[in-house]
Amino acid sequence: MEDNIASRLTSHRVPAVVPVQDILEDASAGLIDAPRSMPPKYFYDERGSQLFDAICETREYYPTRTEEALLRTCAREVIEQLRPDHIVEFGSGTARKTRHLFDACDRVGETAAYWPFDVCEEMLRDSGQQLVQEYDWLRVNALVGDYHGGLAGLPPREGRCLYLFLGGTIGNFTEQEAATFLAEVRAIMRPGDGLLLGADRVKDPGVLHAAYNDESGVTAQFNLNLLQVLNRELDADFCDTNFEHRALFNARASQIEMYLVSRCRQSVHLGSLGHTLELEAGERILTEISRKFTPARLESLLNGAGLAVQQHFEPDNGWFSLVLASPGEASVTSS
């Protein structure tokens, strides 16, 4: 039995085909001069990942549970429509929500292989081990790498593929970054393949504000934890009590913007960069954007990358979208 499980779990390193900046390069580009910013990928050290899991459990944070409920409802329809030989997930994490698709495979007699693509090999191996134990038909081919480094280095896959990009992560990209990423996905797709994309929707600004400023302060802890990451990785001396979390909705750009705001005039030394930041009271460091979409804007984004909407799944309140897209042109069906 153990041999069978081991044979169904493999891993591959995916080489970057375009340069990916490390934290020193990102800090040099983003922190030295105003307006200051850091990419959100540095939130997710061990503590940050635990805090994000806690955010998903807060009363105010609707995206994770809304998307999961949609997946639970539509998974069988997606699997029956595509009959994939492979399920490839970008930014797979622990594949918690993806299990709904595996359950649907079980119900309809499909035995797709799973290709989770993420940067942390240990997490991929741990989650892969759990999955092959839970599903005795499943093969997990873990892909270790950064999808920001391009997709051309993915191992060859024979047969139909269902690509997944869930969690509303497309909203963390700028418009140009999103267009570039979706064009890269389109470039590796073949006739019969599909992309299931999760995207958060434009809604009442009060709902959005509450989701990123939860009453229990977990999101604030998550944001402030970035300072500890910077201290550790940059030999810096940020003091988290000198900063406050702030998240606001920029209606013109249709996006949540999350900041660390300096409470006072202060100096912060970045040892690894040999530089000292001079911050004024009220000066902000942008740590994340989370763009919110209308159905029309989502369709336009996909069409611009050469993808067509086949199916659009949304809850009754219209708070979130799961869009199934394919290469080429097709008509839209809402569910």
C-alpha atoms as a PDB file:
ATOM      1  CA  MET A   1       0.000   0.000   0.000  1.00  0.00           C
ATOM      2  CA  GLU A   2       2.800   2.434   0.920  1.00  0.00           C
ATOM      3  CA  ASP A   3       4.596   1.638  -2.345  1.00  0.00           C
ATOM      4  CA  ASN A   4       1.407   2.383  -4.275  1.00  0.00           C
ATOM      5  CA  ILE A   5       1.016   5.750  -2.568  1.00  0.00           C
ATOM      6  CA  ALA A   6       4.658   6.666  -3.175  1.00  0.00           C
ATOM      7  CA  SER A   7       4.405   5.757  -6.864  1.00  0.00           C
ATOM      8  CA  ARG A   8       1.460   8.130  -7.278  1.00  0.00           C
ATOM      9  CA  LEU A   9       3.309  11.173  -5.917  1.00  0.00           C
ATOM     10  CA  THR A  10       6.105  12.738  -7.964  1.00  0.00           C
ATOM     11  CA  SER A  11       7.589  16.226  -8.238  1.00  0.00           C
ATOM     12  CA  HIS A  12       9.258  18.304 -10.922  1.00  0.00           C
ATOM     13  CA  ARG A  13      11.089  21.617 -10.781  1.00  0.00           C
ATOM     14  CA  VAL A  14       9.760  24.109 -13.303  1.00  0.00           C
ATOM     15  CA  PRO A  15      12.498  26.407 -14.583  1.00  0.00           C
ATOM     16  CA  ALA A  16      11.731  30.100 -14.903  1.00  0.00           C
ATOM     17  CA  VAL A  17      11.807  31.256 -18.510  1.00  0.00           C
ATOM     18  CA  VAL A  18      11.604  34.943 -17.573  1.00  0.00           C
ATOM     19  CA  PRO A  19      13.492  36.587 -14.677  1.00  0.00           C
ATOM     20  CA  VAL A  20      11.757  36.564 -11.273  1.00  0.00           C
ATOM     21  CA  GLN A  21      12.942  39.205  -8.823  1.00  0.00           C
ATOM     22  CA  ASP A  22      13.916  38.136  -5.314  1.00  0.00           C
ATOM     23  CA  ILE A  23      13.107  40.061  -2.146  1.00  0.00           C
ATOM     24  CA  LEU A  24      16.292  42.141  -2.323  1.00  0.00           C
ATOM     25  CA  GLU A  25      15.482  43.257  -5.864  1.00  0.00           C
ATOM     26  CA  ASP A  26      11.819  43.899  -5.031  1.00  0.00           C
ATOM     27  CA  ALA A  27      12.742  45.912  -1.934  1.00  0.00           C
ATOM     28  CA  SER A  28      15.314  47.917  -3.862  1.00  0.00           C
ATOM     29  CA  ALA A  29      12.764  48.701  -6.565  1.00  0.00           C
ATOM     30  CA  GLY A  30       9.794  49.261  -4.265  1.00  0.00           C
ATOM     31  CA  LEU A  31      10.932  50.685  -0.924  1.00  0.00           C
ATOM     32  CA  ILE A  32      13.763  53.103  -1.630  1.00  0.00           C
ATOM     33  CA  ASP A  33      11.727  55.788  -3.378  1.00  0.00           C
ATOM     34  CA  ALA A  34       8.152  57.003  -2.940  1.00  0.00           C
ATOM     35  CA  PRO A  35       5.496  55.866  -3.678  1.00  0.00           C
ATOM     36  CA  ARG A  36       6.659  52.785  -1.765  1.00  0.00           C
ATOM     37  CA  SER A  37       5.383  49.240  -2.275  1.00  0.00           C
ATOM     38  CA  MET A  38       6.169  45.543  -1.829  1.00  0.00           C
ATOM     39  CA  PRO A  39       4.621  42.577  -3.718  1.00  0.00           C
ATOM     40  CA  PRO A  40       2.049  40.593  -1.721  1.00  0.00           C
ATOM     41  CA  LYS A  41       3.864  37.280  -2.273  1.00  0.00           C
ATOM     42  CA  TYR A  42       6.047  38.076   0.762  1.00  0.00           C
ATOM     43  CA  PHE A  43       3.057  37.891   3.106  1.00  0.00           C
ATOM     44  CA  TYR A  44       3.179  34.117   3.116  1.00  0.00           C
ATOM     45  CA  ASP A  45       5.869  32.988   5.507  1.00  0.00           C
ATOM     46  CA  GLU A  46       4.767  30.361   8.055  1.00  0.00           C
ATOM     47  CA  ARG A  47       3.039  32.865  10.357  1.00  0.00           C
ATOM     48  CA  GLY A  48       1.563  34.802   7.450  1.00  0.00           C
ATOM     49  CA  SER A  49       0.067  31.630   5.985  1.00  0.00           C
ATOM     50  CA  GLN A  50      -1.485  30.785   9.360  1.00  0.00           C
ATOM     51  CA  LEU A  51      -2.901  34.291   9.620  1.00  0.00           C
ATOM     52  CA  PHE A  52      -4.388  34.097   6.137  1.00  0.00           C
ATOM     53  CA  ASP A  53      -6.124  30.843   7.088  1.00  0.00           C
ATOM     54  CA  ALA A  54      -7.525  32.715  10.096  1.00  0.00           C
ATOM     55  CA  ILE A  55      -8.699  35.571   7.841  1.00  0.00           C
ATOM     56  CA  CYS A  56     -10.679  33.055   5.798  1.00  0.00           C
ATOM     57  CA  GLU A  57     -12.549  32.069   8.966  1.00  0.00           C
ATOM     58  CA  THR A  58     -13.567  35.621   9.917  1.00  0.00           C
ATOM     59  CA  ARG A  59     -17.206  36.621   9.619  1.00  0.00           C
ATOM     60  CA  GLU A  60     -16.430  39.478   7.252  1.00  0.00           C
ATOM     61  CA  TYR A  61     -14.174  37.703   4.740  1.00  0.00           C
ATOM     62  CA  TYR A  62     -16.606  36.249   2.203  1.00  0.00           C
ATOM     63  CA  PRO A  63     -14.384  35.356  -0.851  1.00  0.00           C
ATOM     64  CA  THR A  64     -13.041  31.969   0.275  1.00  0.00           C
ATOM     65  CA  ARG A  65     -16.322  30.497   1.477  1.00  0.00           C
ATOM     66  CA  THR A  66     -18.262  31.984  -1.462  1.00  0.00           C
ATOM     67  CA  GLU A  67     -15.857  30.483  -4.004  1.00  0.00           C
ATOM     68  CA  GLU A  68     -15.843  27.137  -2.204  1.00  0.00           C
ATOM     69  CA  ALA A  69     -19.639  27.007  -2.230  1.00  0.00           C
ATOM     70  CA  LEU A  70     -19.610  27.737  -5.965  1.00  0.00           C
ATOM     71  CA  LEU A  71     -17.063  24.983  -6.577  1.00  0.00           C
ATOM     72  CA  ARG A  72     -19.129  22.532  -4.581  1.00  0.00           C
ATOM     73  CA  THR A  73     -22.124  23.366  -6.788  1.00  0.00           C
ATOM     74  CA  CYS A  74     -20.480  23.487 -10.216  1.00  0.00           C
ATOM     75  CA  ALA A  75     -17.648  20.934  -9.954  1.00  0.00           C
ATOM     76  CA  ARG A  76     -19.566  18.034 -11.489  1.00  0.00           C
ATOM     77  CA  GLU A  77     -20.767  20.144 -14.414  1.00  0.00           C
ATOM     78  CA  VAL A  78     -17.215  21.332 -15.124  1.00  0.00           C
ATOM     79  CA  ILE A  79     -15.762  17.813 -14.992  1.00  0.00           C
ATOM     80  CA  GLU A  80     -18.543  16.344 -17.134  1.00  0.00           C
ATOM     81  CA  GLN A  81     -18.137  19.097 -19.708  1.00  0.00           C
ATOM     82  CA  LEU A  82     -14.327  18.855 -20.018  1.00  0.00           C
ATOM     83  CA  ARG A  83     -13.560  15.246 -19.020  1.00  0.00           C
ATOM     84  CA  PRO A  84      -9.956  16.331 -18.248  1.00  0.00           C
ATOM     85  CA  ASP A  85      -6.989  13.983 -18.219  1.00  0.00           C
ATOM     86  CA  HIS A  86      -5.029  16.520 -16.147  1.00  0.00           C
ATOM     87  CA  ILE A  87      -5.960  19.231 -13.641  1.00  0.00           C
ATOM     88  CA  VAL A  88      -3.215  21.883 -13.435  1.00  0.00           C
ATOM     89  CA  GLU A  89      -3.525  24.444 -10.631  1.00  0.00           C
ATOM     90  CA  PHE A  90      -1.492  27.643 -10.433  1.00  0.00           C
ATOM     91  CA  GLY A  91      -0.834  28.711  -6.826  1.00  0.00           C
ATOM     92  CA  SER A  92      -2.347  25.513  -5.477  1.00  0.00           C
ATOM     93  CA  GLY A  93      -1.566  25.978  -1.765  1.00  0.00           C
ATOM     94  CA  THR A  94      -3.008  23.047   0.177  1.00  0.00           C
ATOM     95  CA  ALA A  95      -5.652  22.299  -2.506  1.00  0.00           C
ATOM     96  CA  ARG A  96      -8.457  22.584   0.040  1.00  0.00           C
ATOM     97  CA  LYS A  97     -11.069  23.823  -2.430  1.00  0.00           C
ATOM     98  CA  THR A  98      -9.756  21.690  -5.297  1.00  0.00           C
ATOM     99  CA  ARG A  99     -11.029  18.570  -3.527  1.00  0.00           C
ATOM    100  CA  HIS A 100     -14.519  19.415  -4.793  1.00  0.00           C
ATOM    101  CA  LEU A 101     -13.248  18.745  -8.328  1.00  0.00           C
ATOM    102  CA  PHE A 102     -11.654  15.460  -7.243  1.00  0.00           C
ATOM    103  CA  ASP A 103     -14.929  14.470  -5.589  1.00  0.00           C
ATOM    104  CA  ALA A 104     -16.683  15.237  -8.888  1.00  0.00           C
ATOM    105  CA  CYS A 105     -14.132  13.076 -10.738  1.00  0.00           C
ATOM    106  CA  ASP A 106     -15.013  10.273  -8.312  1.00  0.00           C
ATOM    107  CA  ARG A 107     -18.719  10.647  -9.018  1.00  0.00           C
ATOM    108  CA  VAL A 108     -18.423  10.620 -12.816  1.00  0.00           C
ATOM    109  CA  GLY A 109     -15.645   8.034 -13.072  1.00  0.00           C
ATOM    110  CA  GLU A 110     -12.839  10.324 -14.252  1.00  0.00           C
ATOM    111  CA  THR A 111      -9.243   9.688 -13.147  1.00  0.00           C
ATOM    112  CA  ALA A 112      -7.494  12.953 -13.917  1.00  0.00           C
ATOM    113  CA  ALA A 113      -3.925  13.509 -12.747  1.00  0.00           C
ATOM    114  CA  TYR A 114      -3.325  16.562 -10.551  1.00  0.00           C
ATOM    115  CA  TRP A 115      -0.475  19.006 -11.234  1.00  0.00           C
ATOM    116  CA  PRO A 116      -0.279  21.529  -8.334  1.00  0.00           C
ATOM    117  CA  PHE A 117       2.103  24.397  -9.142  1.00  0.00           C
ATOM    118  CA  ASP A 118       3.533  26.359  -6.202  1.00  0.00           C
ATOM    119  CA  VAL A 119       6.821  27.664  -4.793  1.00  0.00           C
ATOM    120  CA  CYS A 120       6.987  25.613  -1.585  1.00  0.00           C
ATOM    121  CA  GLU A 121       8.112  22.026  -2.206  1.00  0.00           C
ATOM    122  CA  GLU A 122       7.457  20.927   1.376  1.00  0.00           C
ATOM    123  CA  MET A 123       3.850  22.142   1.255  1.00  0.00           C
ATOM    124  CA  LEU A 124       3.329  20.465  -2.130  1.00  0.00           C
ATOM    125  CA  ARG A 125       4.666  17.165  -0.823  1.00  0.00           C
ATOM    126  CA  ASP A 126       2.587  17.315   2.380  1.00  0.00           C
ATOM    127  CA  SER A 127      -0.655  18.142   0.580  1.00  0.00           C
ATOM    128  CA  GLY A 128       0.138  15.656  -2.202  1.00  0.00           C
ATOM    129  CA  GLN A 129       0.656  12.897   0.361  1.00  0.00           C
ATOM    130  CA  GLN A 130      -2.747  13.611   1.869  1.00  0.00           C
ATOM    131  CA  LEU A 131      -4.431  13.661  -1.530  1.00  0.00           C
ATOM    132  CA  VAL A 132      -3.094  10.316  -2.768  1.00  0.00           C
ATOM    133  CA  GLN A 133      -4.206   8.771   0.520  1.00  0.00           C
ATOM    134  CA  GLU A 134      -7.699  10.259   0.184  1.00  0.00           C
ATOM    135  CA  TYR A 135      -8.183   9.356  -3.492  1.00  0.00           C
ATOM    136  CA  ASP A 136      -6.854   5.919  -4.398  1.00  0.00           C
ATOM    137  CA  TRP A 137      -6.984   6.676  -8.150  1.00  0.00           C
ATOM    138  CA  LEU A 138      -5.230  10.056  -8.033  1.00  0.00           C
ATOM    139  CA  ARG A 139      -1.726  10.747  -9.336  1.00  0.00           C
ATOM    140  CA  VAL A 140      -0.121  13.957  -8.079  1.00  0.00           C
ATOM    141  CA  ASN A 141       2.712  15.473 -10.115  1.00  0.00           C
ATOM    142  CA  ALA A 142       3.851  18.413  -7.985  1.00  0.00           C
ATOM    143  CA  LEU A 143       5.339  21.329  -9.907  1.00  0.00           C
ATOM    144  CA  VAL A 144       7.841  23.300  -7.839  1.00  0.00           C
ATOM    145  CA  GLY A 145       8.397  26.811  -9.116  1.00  0.00           C
ATOM    146  CA  ASP A 146       7.039  30.338  -9.498  1.00  0.00           C
ATOM    147  CA  TYR A 147       4.392  30.808 -12.172  1.00  0.00           C
ATOM    148  CA  HIS A 148       5.508  34.451 -12.412  1.00  0.00           C
ATOM    149  CA  GLY A 149       8.577  32.988 -14.132  1.00  0.00           C
ATOM    150  CA  GLY A 150       6.470  31.855 -17.088  1.00  0.00           C
ATOM    151  CA  LEU A 151       4.688  28.650 -18.073  1.00  0.00           C
ATOM    152  CA  ALA A 152       6.723  27.468 -21.053  1.00  0.00           C
ATOM    153  CA  GLY A 153       8.824  25.228 -18.786  1.00  0.00           C
ATOM    154  CA  LEU A 154       5.902  23.025 -17.687  1.00  0.00           C
ATOM    155  CA  PRO A 155       6.416  19.298 -18.351  1.00  0.00           C
ATOM    156  CA  PRO A 156       4.505  17.874 -21.351  1.00  0.00           C
ATOM    157  CA  ARG A 157       0.936  16.733 -20.738  1.00  0.00           C
ATOM    158  CA  GLU A 158      -0.914  14.341 -23.048  1.00  0.00           C
ATOM    159  CA  GLY A 159      -4.674  14.716 -23.293  1.00  0.00           C
ATOM    160  CA  ARG A 160      -7.168  17.355 -22.166  1.00  0.00           C
ATOM    161  CA  CYS A 161      -6.211  19.781 -19.392  1.00  0.00           C
ATOM    162  CA  LEU A 162      -8.300  21.773 -16.952  1.00  0.00           C
ATOM    163  CA  TYR A 163      -6.249  24.730 -15.705  1.00  0.00           C
ATOM    164  CA  LEU A 164      -7.232  26.330 -12.389  1.00  0.00           C
ATOM    165  CA  PHE A 165      -6.517  29.828 -11.095  1.00  0.00           C
ATOM    166  CA  LEU A 166      -8.689  30.214  -8.025  1.00  0.00           C
ATOM    167  CA  GLY A 167      -8.971  32.405  -4.952  1.00  0.00           C
ATOM    168  CA  GLY A 168      -9.484  35.685  -6.801  1.00  0.00           C
ATOM    169  CA  THR A 169      -5.686  35.880  -7.174  1.00  0.00           C
ATOM    170  CA  ILE A 170      -6.093  37.394 -10.648  1.00  0.00           C
ATOM    171  CA  GLY A 171      -7.172  40.526  -8.757  1.00  0.00           C
ATOM    172  CA  ASN A 172      -3.726  40.867  -7.165  1.00  0.00           C
ATOM    173  CA  PHE A 173      -2.277  41.529 -10.623  1.00  0.00           C
ATOM    174  CA  THR A 174      -2.272  44.891 -12.342  1.00  0.00           C
ATOM    175  CA  GLU A 175      -4.301  45.009 -15.537  1.00  0.00           C
ATOM    176  CA  GLN A 176      -1.182  44.468 -17.641  1.00  0.00           C
ATOM    177  CA  GLU A 177       0.099  41.656 -15.417  1.00  0.00           C
ATOM    178  CA  ALA A 178      -3.286  39.908 -15.611  1.00  0.00           C
ATOM    179  CA  ALA A 179      -3.381  40.239 -19.396  1.00  0.00           C
ATOM    180  CA  THR A 180       0.164  38.861 -19.693  1.00  0.00           C
ATOM    181  CA  PHE A 181      -0.520  35.905 -17.389  1.00  0.00           C
ATOM    182  CA  LEU A 182      -3.745  34.913 -19.148  1.00  0.00           C
ATOM    183  CA  ALA A 183      -1.998  35.154 -22.528  1.00  0.00           C
ATOM    184  CA  GLU A 184       0.671  32.766 -21.186  1.00  0.00           C
ATOM    185  CA  VAL A 185      -2.037  30.341 -20.064  1.00  0.00           C
ATOM    186  CA  ARG A 186      -3.701  30.594 -23.478  1.00  0.00           C
ATOM    187  CA  ALA A 187      -0.363  29.840 -25.164  1.00  0.00           C
ATOM    188  CA  ILE A 188      -0.099  26.427 -23.455  1.00  0.00           C
ATOM    189  CA  MET A 189      -3.753  25.486 -24.017  1.00  0.00           C
ATOM    190  CA  ARG A 190      -4.944  23.212 -26.819  1.00  0.00           C
ATOM    191  CA  PRO A 191      -8.402  22.566 -28.284  1.00  0.00           C
ATOM    192  CA  GLY A 192     -10.528  20.833 -25.655  1.00  0.00           C
ATOM    193  CA  ASP A 193      -8.677  22.416 -22.719  1.00  0.00           C
ATOM    194  CA  GLY A 194     -10.352  24.755 -20.224  1.00  0.00           C
ATOM    195  CA  LEU A 195      -9.440  27.411 -17.665  1.00  0.00           C
ATOM    196  CA  LEU A 196     -11.486  27.781 -14.474  1.00  0.00           C
ATOM    197  CA  LEU A 197     -10.829  31.277 -13.138  1.00  0.00           C
ATOM    198  CA  GLY A 198     -12.020  32.650  -9.782  1.00  0.00           C
ATOM    199  CA  ALA A 199     -12.544  36.406  -9.573  1.00  0.00           C
ATOM    200  CA  ASP A 200     -14.034  38.696  -6.941  1.00  0.00           C
ATOM    201  CA  ARG A 201     -16.785  41.055  -8.039  1.00  0.00           C
ATOM    202  CA  VAL A 202     -17.543  44.739  -7.639  1.00  0.00           C
ATOM    203  CA  LYS A 203     -20.053  45.171  -4.804  1.00  0.00           C
ATOM    204  CA  ASP A 204     -21.156  47.446  -1.961  1.00  0.00           C
ATOM    205  CA  PRO A 205     -18.017  49.279  -0.758  1.00  0.00           C
ATOM    206  CA  GLY A 206     -19.108  48.651   2.837  1.00  0.00           C
ATOM    207  CA  VAL A 207     -18.925  44.887   2.302  1.00  0.00           C
ATOM    208  CA  LEU A 208     -15.474  45.235   0.735  1.00  0.00           C
ATOM    209  CA  HIS A 209     -14.207  47.516   3.501  1.00  0.00           C
ATOM    210  CA  ALA A 210     -15.354  45.110   6.203  1.00  0.00           C
ATOM    211  CA  ALA A 211     -13.727  42.117   4.461  1.00  0.00           C
ATOM    212  CA  TYR A 212     -10.277  43.745   4.597  1.00  0.00           C
ATOM    213  CA  ASN A 213     -10.715  45.473   7.967  1.00  0.00           C
ATOM    214  CA  ASP A 214     -12.189  42.681  10.065  1.00  0.00           C
ATOM    215  CA  GLU A 215     -13.336  43.577  13.552  1.00  0.00           C
ATOM    216  CA  SER A 216     -11.029  41.036  15.201  1.00  0.00           C
ATOM    217  CA  GLY A 217      -7.961  42.604  13.579  1.00  0.00           C
ATOM    218  CA  VAL A 218      -6.630  39.436  11.907  1.00  0.00           C
ATOM    219  CA  THR A 219      -6.054  41.190   8.566  1.00  0.00           C
ATOM    220  CA  ALA A 220      -4.144  43.927  10.380  1.00  0.00           C
ATOM    221  CA  GLN A 221      -1.875  41.287  11.960  1.00  0.00           C
ATOM    222  CA  PHE A 222      -1.413  39.672   8.550  1.00  0.00           C
ATOM    223  CA  ASN A 223      -0.389  42.978   6.967  1.00  0.00           C
ATOM    224  CA  LEU A 224       1.920  43.969   9.831  1.00  0.00           C
ATOM    225  CA  ASN A 225       3.593  40.546   9.745  1.00  0.00           C
ATOM    226  CA  LEU A 226       5.190  41.630   6.457  1.00  0.00           C
ATOM    227  CA  LEU A 227       7.448  43.889   8.532  1.00  0.00           C
ATOM    228  CA  GLN A 228       8.841  40.862  10.356  1.00  0.00           C
ATOM    229  CA  VAL A 229       9.514  39.190   6.999  1.00  0.00           C
ATOM    230  CA  LEU A 230      11.388  42.310   5.863  1.00  0.00           C
ATOM    231  CA  ASN A 231      13.350  42.450   9.126  1.00  0.00           C
ATOM    232  CA  ARG A 232      14.410  38.831   8.730  1.00  0.00           C
ATOM    233  CA  GLU A 233      15.158  38.863   5.006  1.00  0.00           C
ATOM    234  CA  LEU A 234      16.628  42.354   4.667  1.00  0.00           C
ATOM    235  CA  ASP A 235      18.368  42.681   8.042  1.00  0.00           C
ATOM    236  CA  ALA A 236      16.012  45.589   8.690  1.00  0.00           C
ATOM    237  CA  ASP A 237      14.707  47.180  11.874  1.00  0.00           C
ATOM    238  CA  PHE A 238      11.045  47.936  11.174  1.00  0.00           C
ATOM    239  CA  CYS A 239       9.062  48.354  14.419  1.00  0.00           C
ATOM    240  CA  ASP A 240       5.507  47.152  13.883  1.00  0.00           C
ATOM    241  CA  THR A 241       4.090  49.437  16.598  1.00  0.00           C
ATOM    242  CA  ASN A 242       5.212  52.365  14.429  1.00  0.00           C
ATOM    243  CA  PHE A 243       2.857  51.276  11.647  1.00  0.00           C
ATOM    244  CA  GLU A 244      -0.848  50.712  11.249  1.00  0.00           C
ATOM    245  CA  HIS A 245      -2.864  48.617   8.809  1.00  0.00           C
ATOM    246  CA  ARG A 246      -5.111  50.472   6.396  1.00  0.00           C
ATOM    247  CA  ALA A 247      -7.264  49.004   3.615  1.00  0.00           C
ATOM    248  CA  LEU A 248      -9.504  51.148   1.448  1.00  0.00           C
ATOM    249  CA  PHE A 249     -11.577  50.764  -1.691  1.00  0.00           C
ATOM    250  CA  ASN A 250     -10.423  52.825  -4.658  1.00  0.00           C
ATOM    251  CA  ALA A 251     -13.706  53.142  -6.560  1.00  0.00           C
ATOM    252  CA  ARG A 252     -12.111  54.667  -9.659  1.00  0.00           C
ATOM    253  CA  ALA A 253      -9.740  51.688 -10.063  1.00  0.00           C
ATOM    254  CA  SER A 254     -12.292  49.156  -8.682  1.00  0.00           C
ATOM    255  CA  GLN A 255      -9.726  47.761  -6.273  1.00  0.00           C
ATOM    256  CA  ILE A 256      -8.985  47.332  -2.599  1.00  0.00           C
ATOM    257  CA  GLU A 257      -5.619  48.842  -1.708  1.00  0.00           C
ATOM    258  CA  MET A 258      -3.857  47.658   1.423  1.00  0.00           C
ATOM    259  CA  TYR A 259      -1.188  49.792   3.073  1.00  0.00           C
ATOM    260  CA  LEU A 260       1.173  49.917   6.007  1.00  0.00           C
ATOM    261  CA  VAL A 261       1.026  53.491   7.249  1.00  0.00           C
ATOM    262  CA  SER A 262       3.774  55.128   9.271  1.00  0.00           C
ATOM    263  CA  ARG A 263       2.407  56.447  12.577  1.00  0.00           C
ATOM    264  CA  CYS A 264       5.298  58.849  13.064  1.00  0.00           C
ATOM    265  CA  ARG A 265       8.394  60.303  11.480  1.00  0.00           C
ATOM    266  CA  GLN A 266      10.952  57.500  11.627  1.00  0.00           C
ATOM    267  CA  SER A 267      14.151  56.038  10.187  1.00  0.00           C
ATOM    268  CA  VAL A 268      14.334  52.374   9.169  1.00  0.00           C
ATOM    269  CA  HIS A 269      17.661  50.773   8.320  1.00  0.00           C
ATOM    270  CA  LEU A 270      17.740  48.123   5.565  1.00  0.00           C
ATOM    271  CA  GLY A 271      21.018  46.374   6.311  1.00  0.00           C
ATOM    272  CA  SER A 272      21.069  44.103   3.265  1.00  0.00           C
ATOM    273  CA  LEU A 273      20.603  47.101   0.984  1.00  0.00           C
ATOM    274  CA  GLY A 274      22.884  49.452   2.914  1.00  0.00           C
ATOM    275  CA  HIS A 275      20.120  52.048   2.953  1.00  0.00           C
ATOM    276  CA  THR A 276      18.076  53.934   5.546  1.00  0.00           C
ATOM    277  CA  LEU A 277      14.450  54.839   4.824  1.00  0.00           C
ATOM    278  CA  GLU A 278      13.279  58.205   6.092  1.00  0.00           C
ATOM    279  CA  LEU A 279       9.516  57.958   6.538  1.00  0.00           C
ATOM    280  CA  GLU A 280       7.176  60.811   7.371  1.00  0.00           C
ATOM    281  CA  ALA A 281       4.114  60.419   9.592  1.00  0.00           C
ATOM    282  CA  GLY A 282       1.259  59.211   7.381  1.00  0.00           C
ATOM    283  CA  GLU A 283       3.547  57.899   4.640  1.00  0.00           C
ATOM    284  CA  ARG A 284       2.262  54.653   3.135  1.00  0.00           C
ATOM    285  CA  ILE A 285       3.734  51.402   1.816  1.00  0.00           C
ATOM    286  CA  LEU A 286       1.385  49.662  -0.618  1.00  0.00           C
ATOM    287  CA  THR A 287       1.368  45.937   0.177  1.00  0.00           C
ATOM    288  CA  GLU A 288      -1.482  44.588  -1.952  1.00  0.00           C
ATOM    289  CA  ILE A 289      -4.100  45.450  -4.509  1.00  0.00           C
ATOM    290  CA  SER A 290      -7.195  43.303  -4.941  1.00  0.00           C
ATOM    291  CA  ARG A 291      -9.059  44.229  -8.100  1.00  0.00           C
ATOM    292  CA  LYS A 292     -12.805  43.674  -8.308  1.00  0.00           C
ATOM    293  CA  PHE A 293     -14.509  42.831 -11.589  1.00  0.00           C
ATOM    294  CA  THR A 294     -17.804  43.170 -13.369  1.00  0.00           C
ATOM    295  CA  PRO A 295     -18.869  40.259 -15.608  1.00  0.00           C
ATOM    296  CA  ALA A 296     -18.248  42.430 -18.672  1.00  0.00           C
ATOM    297  CA  ARG A 297     -14.745  43.357 -17.500  1.00  0.00           C
ATOM    298  CA  LEU A 298     -13.916  39.702 -16.841  1.00  0.00           C
ATOM    299  CA  GLU A 299     -15.106  38.681 -20.292  1.00  0.00           C
ATOM    300  CA  SER A 300     -13.097  41.501 -21.881  1.00  0.00           C
ATOM    301  CA  LEU A 301      -9.952  40.448 -19.998  1.00  0.00           C
ATOM    302  CA  LEU A 302     -10.325  36.843 -21.124  1.00  0.00           C
ATOM    303  CA  ASN A 303     -11.211  37.750 -24.705  1.00  0.00           C
ATOM    304  CA  GLY A 304      -8.127  39.966 -24.890  1.00  0.00           C
ATOM    305  CA  ALA A 305      -5.999  36.912 -24.085  1.00  0.00           C
ATOM    306  CA  GLY A 306      -7.669  34.782 -26.771  1.00  0.00           C
ATOM    307  CA  LEU A 307     -10.010  33.000 -24.352  1.00  0.00           C
ATOM    308  CA  ALA A 308     -13.781  32.759 -24.541  1.00  0.00           C
ATOM    309  CA  VAL A 309     -16.232  32.333 -21.686  1.00  0.00           C
ATOM    310  CA  GLN A 310     -18.044  28.999 -21.896  1.00  0.00           C
ATOM    311  CA  GLN A 311     -19.763  29.066 -18.514  1.00  0.00           C
ATOM    312  CA  HIS A 312     -20.177  31.692 -15.802  1.00  0.00           C
ATOM    313  CA  PHE A 313     -21.044  30.504 -12.302  1.00  0.00           C
ATOM    314  CA  GLU A 314     -22.086  33.028  -9.649  1.00  0.00           C
ATOM    315  CA  PRO A 315     -24.052  33.034  -6.385  1.00  0.00           C
ATOM    316  CA  ASP A 316     -27.455  34.695  -6.120  1.00  0.00           C
ATOM    317  CA  ASN A 317     -25.891  37.845  -4.638  1.00  0.00           C
ATOM    318  CA  GLY A 318     -23.349  38.153  -7.466  1.00  0.00           C
ATOM    319  CA  TRP A 319     -20.437  38.534  -5.062  1.00  0.00           C
ATOM    320  CA  PHE A 320     -17.987  36.206  -6.834  1.00  0.00           C
ATOM    321  CA  SER A 321     -17.439  34.598 -10.236  1.00  0.00           C
ATOM    322  CA  LEU A 322     -16.113  31.256 -11.384  1.00  0.00           C
ATOM    323  CA  VAL A 323     -15.603  31.452 -15.127  1.00  0.00           C
ATOM    324  CA  LEU A 324     -14.907  28.463 -17.345  1.00  0.00           C
ATOM    325  CA  ALA A 325     -13.089  29.630 -20.469  1.00  0.00           C
ATOM    326  CA  SER A 326     -11.678  27.903 -23.527  1.00  0.00           C
ATOM    327  CA  PRO A 327      -9.375  28.839 -26.392  1.00  0.00           C
ATOM    328  CA  GLY A 328     -11.183  30.670 -29.192  1.00  0.00           C
ATOM    329  CA  GLU A 329     -14.648  32.153 -29.491  1.00  0.00           C
ATOM    330  CA  ALA A 330     -17.805  30.876 -27.849  1.00  0.00           C
ATOM    331  CA  SER A 331     -21.076  32.106 -26.421  1.00  0.00           C
ATOM    332  CA  VAL A 332     -21.611  32.694 -22.692  1.00  0.00           C
ATOM    333  CA  THR A 333     -23.898  30.567 -20.538  1.00  0.00           C
ATOM    334  CA  SER A 334     -24.652  31.758 -16.989  1.00  0.00           C
ATOM    335  CA  SER A 335     -25.432  29.453 -14.084  1.00  0.00           C
END
